[in-house]
Amino acid sequence: MSTLSQKEIAEIRDHFDFFDRDGSGLIDQDEFIALLKILAPSADRANAVRGFETIDGDHNDQIDFDEFLEWWQTNWTVF
C-alpha cells in the first residue's frame, strides 16, 4: 500500500464525511449500505453487510475514519 499525500487523505475524508449522514464521525451499517449503493450499484444488501463487518475491524458496529481509510486504499482508486 502506497503512502497517501495529505491532499489525498483530505479527499478521502470528504467521501467519509459525505456518507456520515448523522455527523457522528462514524459510519454505521445503514450509512455504509448507502455508500455501497453508489460505489457498487449491483451489490446486494447481504454483500454490503458482509463488507461492513469485514471493514469494522474493532467490531463495534461502526466504521471509523482509520478503518474506512484502510479499506479505501485497498479497494478504490484515489483521484
N, C-alpha and C. Protein backbone atom coordinates (compact mmCIF):
# COMPACT_ATOMS: atom_id res chain seq x y z
N MET A 1 0.84 -1.16 0.00
CA MET A 1 0.00 0.00 0.00
C MET A 1 0.90 1.23 0.00
N SER A 2 0.62 2.16 -0.93
CA SER A 2 1.45 3.35 -1.03
C SER A 2 1.04 4.39 0.00
N THR A 3 1.97 5.29 0.28
CA THR A 3 1.71 6.37 1.21
C THR A 3 0.90 7.44 0.50
N LEU A 4 -0.14 7.89 1.15
CA LEU A 4 -1.00 8.91 0.57
C LEU A 4 -0.52 10.30 0.96
N SER A 5 -0.75 11.25 0.08
CA SER A 5 -0.45 12.64 0.40
C SER A 5 -1.55 13.18 1.31
N GLN A 6 -1.28 14.30 1.94
CA GLN A 6 -2.29 14.94 2.79
C GLN A 6 -3.52 15.33 1.97
N LYS A 7 -3.30 15.74 0.72
CA LYS A 7 -4.42 16.10 -0.16
C LYS A 7 -5.30 14.88 -0.44
N GLU A 8 -4.67 13.74 -0.72
CA GLU A 8 -5.43 12.52 -0.98
C GLU A 8 -6.23 12.09 0.25
N ILE A 9 -5.61 12.17 1.41
CA ILE A 9 -6.30 11.81 2.66
C ILE A 9 -7.47 12.76 2.89
N ALA A 10 -7.29 14.05 2.61
CA ALA A 10 -8.37 15.02 2.77
C ALA A 10 -9.53 14.70 1.83
N GLU A 11 -9.23 14.27 0.61
CA GLU A 11 -10.28 13.90 -0.34
C GLU A 11 -11.05 12.67 0.14
N ILE A 12 -10.33 11.71 0.67
CA ILE A 12 -10.98 10.51 1.20
C ILE A 12 -11.83 10.88 2.40
N ARG A 13 -11.33 11.80 3.22
CA ARG A 13 -12.10 12.28 4.38
C ARG A 13 -13.40 12.93 3.93
N ASP A 14 -13.35 13.67 2.83
CA ASP A 14 -14.57 14.28 2.28
C ASP A 14 -15.59 13.20 1.92
N HIS A 15 -15.13 12.11 1.31
CA HIS A 15 -16.03 10.99 0.97
C HIS A 15 -16.64 10.41 2.25
N PHE A 16 -15.79 10.18 3.23
CA PHE A 16 -16.25 9.63 4.51
C PHE A 16 -17.30 10.53 5.12
N ASP A 17 -17.01 11.82 5.19
CA ASP A 17 -17.93 12.77 5.81
C ASP A 17 -19.26 12.85 5.05
N PHE A 18 -19.21 12.71 3.73
CA PHE A 18 -20.43 12.74 2.94
C PHE A 18 -21.37 11.60 3.35
N PHE A 19 -20.82 10.43 3.57
CA PHE A 19 -21.65 9.28 3.92
C PHE A 19 -21.95 9.18 5.41
N ASP A 20 -21.23 9.94 6.21
CA ASP A 20 -21.52 10.02 7.65
C ASP A 20 -22.69 11.00 7.81
N ARG A 21 -23.85 10.56 7.42
CA ARG A 21 -25.03 11.44 7.31
C ARG A 21 -25.44 12.08 8.63
N ASP A 22 -25.21 11.40 9.75
CA ASP A 22 -25.60 11.98 11.03
C ASP A 22 -24.49 12.79 11.69
N GLY A 23 -23.34 12.89 11.02
CA GLY A 23 -22.24 13.71 11.54
C GLY A 23 -21.60 13.17 12.81
N SER A 24 -21.72 11.87 13.04
CA SER A 24 -21.20 11.27 14.26
C SER A 24 -19.69 11.04 14.23
N GLY A 25 -19.09 11.14 13.03
CA GLY A 25 -17.68 10.81 12.90
C GLY A 25 -17.46 9.33 12.67
N LEU A 26 -18.57 8.60 12.51
CA LEU A 26 -18.55 7.16 12.29
C LEU A 26 -19.57 6.82 11.21
N ILE A 27 -19.33 5.75 10.49
CA ILE A 27 -20.29 5.27 9.51
C ILE A 27 -20.93 4.01 10.07
N ASP A 28 -22.26 4.06 10.21
CA ASP A 28 -22.96 2.87 10.70
C ASP A 28 -23.35 2.00 9.50
N GLN A 29 -23.98 0.89 9.78
CA GLN A 29 -24.27 -0.07 8.72
C GLN A 29 -25.20 0.53 7.64
N ASP A 30 -26.22 1.27 8.04
CA ASP A 30 -27.13 1.87 7.06
C ASP A 30 -26.40 2.88 6.18
N GLU A 31 -25.52 3.67 6.77
CA GLU A 31 -24.75 4.65 6.01
C GLU A 31 -23.81 3.93 5.03
N PHE A 32 -23.22 2.82 5.47
CA PHE A 32 -22.33 2.06 4.59
C PHE A 32 -23.10 1.44 3.43
N ILE A 33 -24.29 0.95 3.69
CA ILE A 33 -25.11 0.38 2.62
C ILE A 33 -25.43 1.46 1.59
N ALA A 34 -25.74 2.68 2.04
CA ALA A 34 -25.99 3.80 1.12
C ALA A 34 -24.73 4.10 0.30
N LEU A 35 -23.58 4.07 0.94
CA LEU A 35 -22.30 4.31 0.26
C LEU A 35 -22.08 3.25 -0.81
N LEU A 36 -22.29 2.00 -0.46
CA LEU A 36 -22.03 0.92 -1.40
C LEU A 36 -23.00 0.94 -2.58
N LYS A 37 -24.23 1.40 -2.36
CA LYS A 37 -25.19 1.50 -3.46
C LYS A 37 -24.69 2.46 -4.53
N ILE A 38 -23.93 3.46 -4.12
CA ILE A 38 -23.38 4.41 -5.08
C ILE A 38 -22.11 3.86 -5.72
N LEU A 39 -21.22 3.28 -4.92
CA LEU A 39 -19.94 2.80 -5.44
C LEU A 39 -20.07 1.49 -6.21
N ALA A 40 -20.99 0.65 -5.79
CA ALA A 40 -21.17 -0.66 -6.43
C ALA A 40 -22.67 -0.97 -6.50
N PRO A 41 -23.37 -0.35 -7.46
CA PRO A 41 -24.83 -0.48 -7.52
C PRO A 41 -25.36 -1.90 -7.58
N SER A 42 -24.58 -2.83 -8.10
CA SER A 42 -25.06 -4.21 -8.21
C SER A 42 -24.88 -5.01 -6.92
N ALA A 43 -24.21 -4.44 -5.93
CA ALA A 43 -24.01 -5.15 -4.66
C ALA A 43 -25.35 -5.26 -3.93
N ASP A 44 -25.63 -6.44 -3.42
CA ASP A 44 -26.88 -6.60 -2.67
C ASP A 44 -26.63 -6.34 -1.18
N ARG A 45 -27.72 -6.28 -0.43
CA ARG A 45 -27.63 -5.96 1.00
C ARG A 45 -26.76 -6.96 1.76
N ALA A 46 -26.88 -8.24 1.44
CA ALA A 46 -26.09 -9.26 2.15
C ALA A 46 -24.60 -9.03 1.94
N ASN A 47 -24.20 -8.68 0.72
CA ASN A 47 -22.79 -8.39 0.45
C ASN A 47 -22.36 -7.12 1.18
N ALA A 48 -23.23 -6.14 1.24
CA ALA A 48 -22.91 -4.89 1.94
C ALA A 48 -22.70 -5.16 3.43
N VAL A 49 -23.56 -5.97 4.01
CA VAL A 49 -23.44 -6.30 5.44
C VAL A 49 -22.13 -7.05 5.69
N ARG A 50 -21.80 -8.02 4.83
CA ARG A 50 -20.53 -8.74 5.00
C ARG A 50 -19.35 -7.79 4.86
N GLY A 51 -19.43 -6.90 3.89
CA GLY A 51 -18.36 -5.92 3.71
C GLY A 51 -18.20 -5.03 4.93
N PHE A 52 -19.31 -4.57 5.45
CA PHE A 52 -19.29 -3.73 6.65
C PHE A 52 -18.61 -4.47 7.80
N GLU A 53 -19.00 -5.70 8.00
CA GLU A 53 -18.43 -6.49 9.10
C GLU A 53 -16.93 -6.70 8.92
N THR A 54 -16.49 -6.83 7.69
CA THR A 54 -15.06 -7.00 7.41
C THR A 54 -14.29 -5.71 7.69
N ILE A 55 -14.84 -4.59 7.29
CA ILE A 55 -14.17 -3.30 7.47
C ILE A 55 -14.15 -2.89 8.94
N ASP A 56 -15.19 -3.22 9.68
CA ASP A 56 -15.31 -2.85 11.09
C ASP A 56 -14.35 -3.71 11.92
N GLY A 57 -13.07 -3.35 11.86
CA GLY A 57 -12.02 -4.15 12.48
C GLY A 57 -12.15 -4.34 13.98
N ASP A 58 -12.69 -3.35 14.68
CA ASP A 58 -12.82 -3.48 16.13
C ASP A 58 -14.20 -3.99 16.54
N HIS A 59 -15.04 -4.31 15.54
CA HIS A 59 -16.35 -4.94 15.75
C HIS A 59 -17.23 -4.17 16.73
N ASN A 60 -17.27 -2.83 16.55
CA ASN A 60 -18.13 -2.01 17.40
C ASN A 60 -19.37 -1.54 16.65
N ASP A 61 -19.65 -2.17 15.51
CA ASP A 61 -20.82 -1.86 14.68
C ASP A 61 -20.77 -0.46 14.08
N GLN A 62 -19.56 0.08 13.92
CA GLN A 62 -19.36 1.37 13.29
C GLN A 62 -17.98 1.36 12.62
N ILE A 63 -17.89 2.10 11.53
CA ILE A 63 -16.61 2.23 10.85
C ILE A 63 -16.07 3.62 11.14
N ASP A 64 -14.88 3.66 11.74
CA ASP A 64 -14.25 4.96 11.98
C ASP A 64 -13.40 5.33 10.77
N PHE A 65 -12.86 6.54 10.77
CA PHE A 65 -12.14 7.01 9.59
C PHE A 65 -10.92 6.15 9.29
N ASP A 66 -10.19 5.70 10.30
CA ASP A 66 -9.00 4.88 10.04
C ASP A 66 -9.37 3.57 9.36
N GLU A 67 -10.46 2.94 9.80
CA GLU A 67 -10.93 1.71 9.16
C GLU A 67 -11.35 1.99 7.72
N PHE A 68 -12.06 3.10 7.52
CA PHE A 68 -12.50 3.49 6.19
C PHE A 68 -11.32 3.77 5.28
N LEU A 69 -10.32 4.50 5.79
CA LEU A 69 -9.14 4.84 5.00
C LEU A 69 -8.40 3.58 4.55
N GLU A 70 -8.23 2.65 5.45
CA GLU A 70 -7.55 1.40 5.09
C GLU A 70 -8.32 0.67 4.00
N TRP A 71 -9.64 0.58 4.15
CA TRP A 71 -10.48 -0.08 3.15
C TRP A 71 -10.41 0.66 1.81
N TRP A 72 -10.51 1.97 1.86
CA TRP A 72 -10.49 2.77 0.62
C TRP A 72 -9.18 2.56 -0.13
N GLN A 73 -8.07 2.59 0.59
CA GLN A 73 -6.77 2.40 -0.04
C GLN A 73 -6.66 1.03 -0.70
N THR A 74 -7.26 0.04 -0.09
CA THR A 74 -7.17 -1.31 -0.60
C THR A 74 -8.10 -1.55 -1.78
N ASN A 75 -9.24 -0.85 -1.82
CA ASN A 75 -10.29 -1.21 -2.76
C ASN A 75 -10.64 -0.17 -3.81
N TRP A 76 -10.24 1.07 -3.66
CA TRP A 76 -10.69 2.10 -4.58
C TRP A 76 -9.53 2.95 -5.03
N THR A 77 -9.62 3.42 -6.24
CA THR A 77 -8.61 4.32 -6.80
C THR A 77 -8.81 5.70 -6.19
N VAL A 78 -7.74 6.29 -5.74
CA VAL A 78 -7.79 7.64 -5.20
C VAL A 78 -7.60 8.60 -6.35
N PHE A 79 -8.49 9.56 -6.46
CA PHE A 79 -8.43 10.52 -7.57
C PHE A 79 -7.52 11.69 -7.24
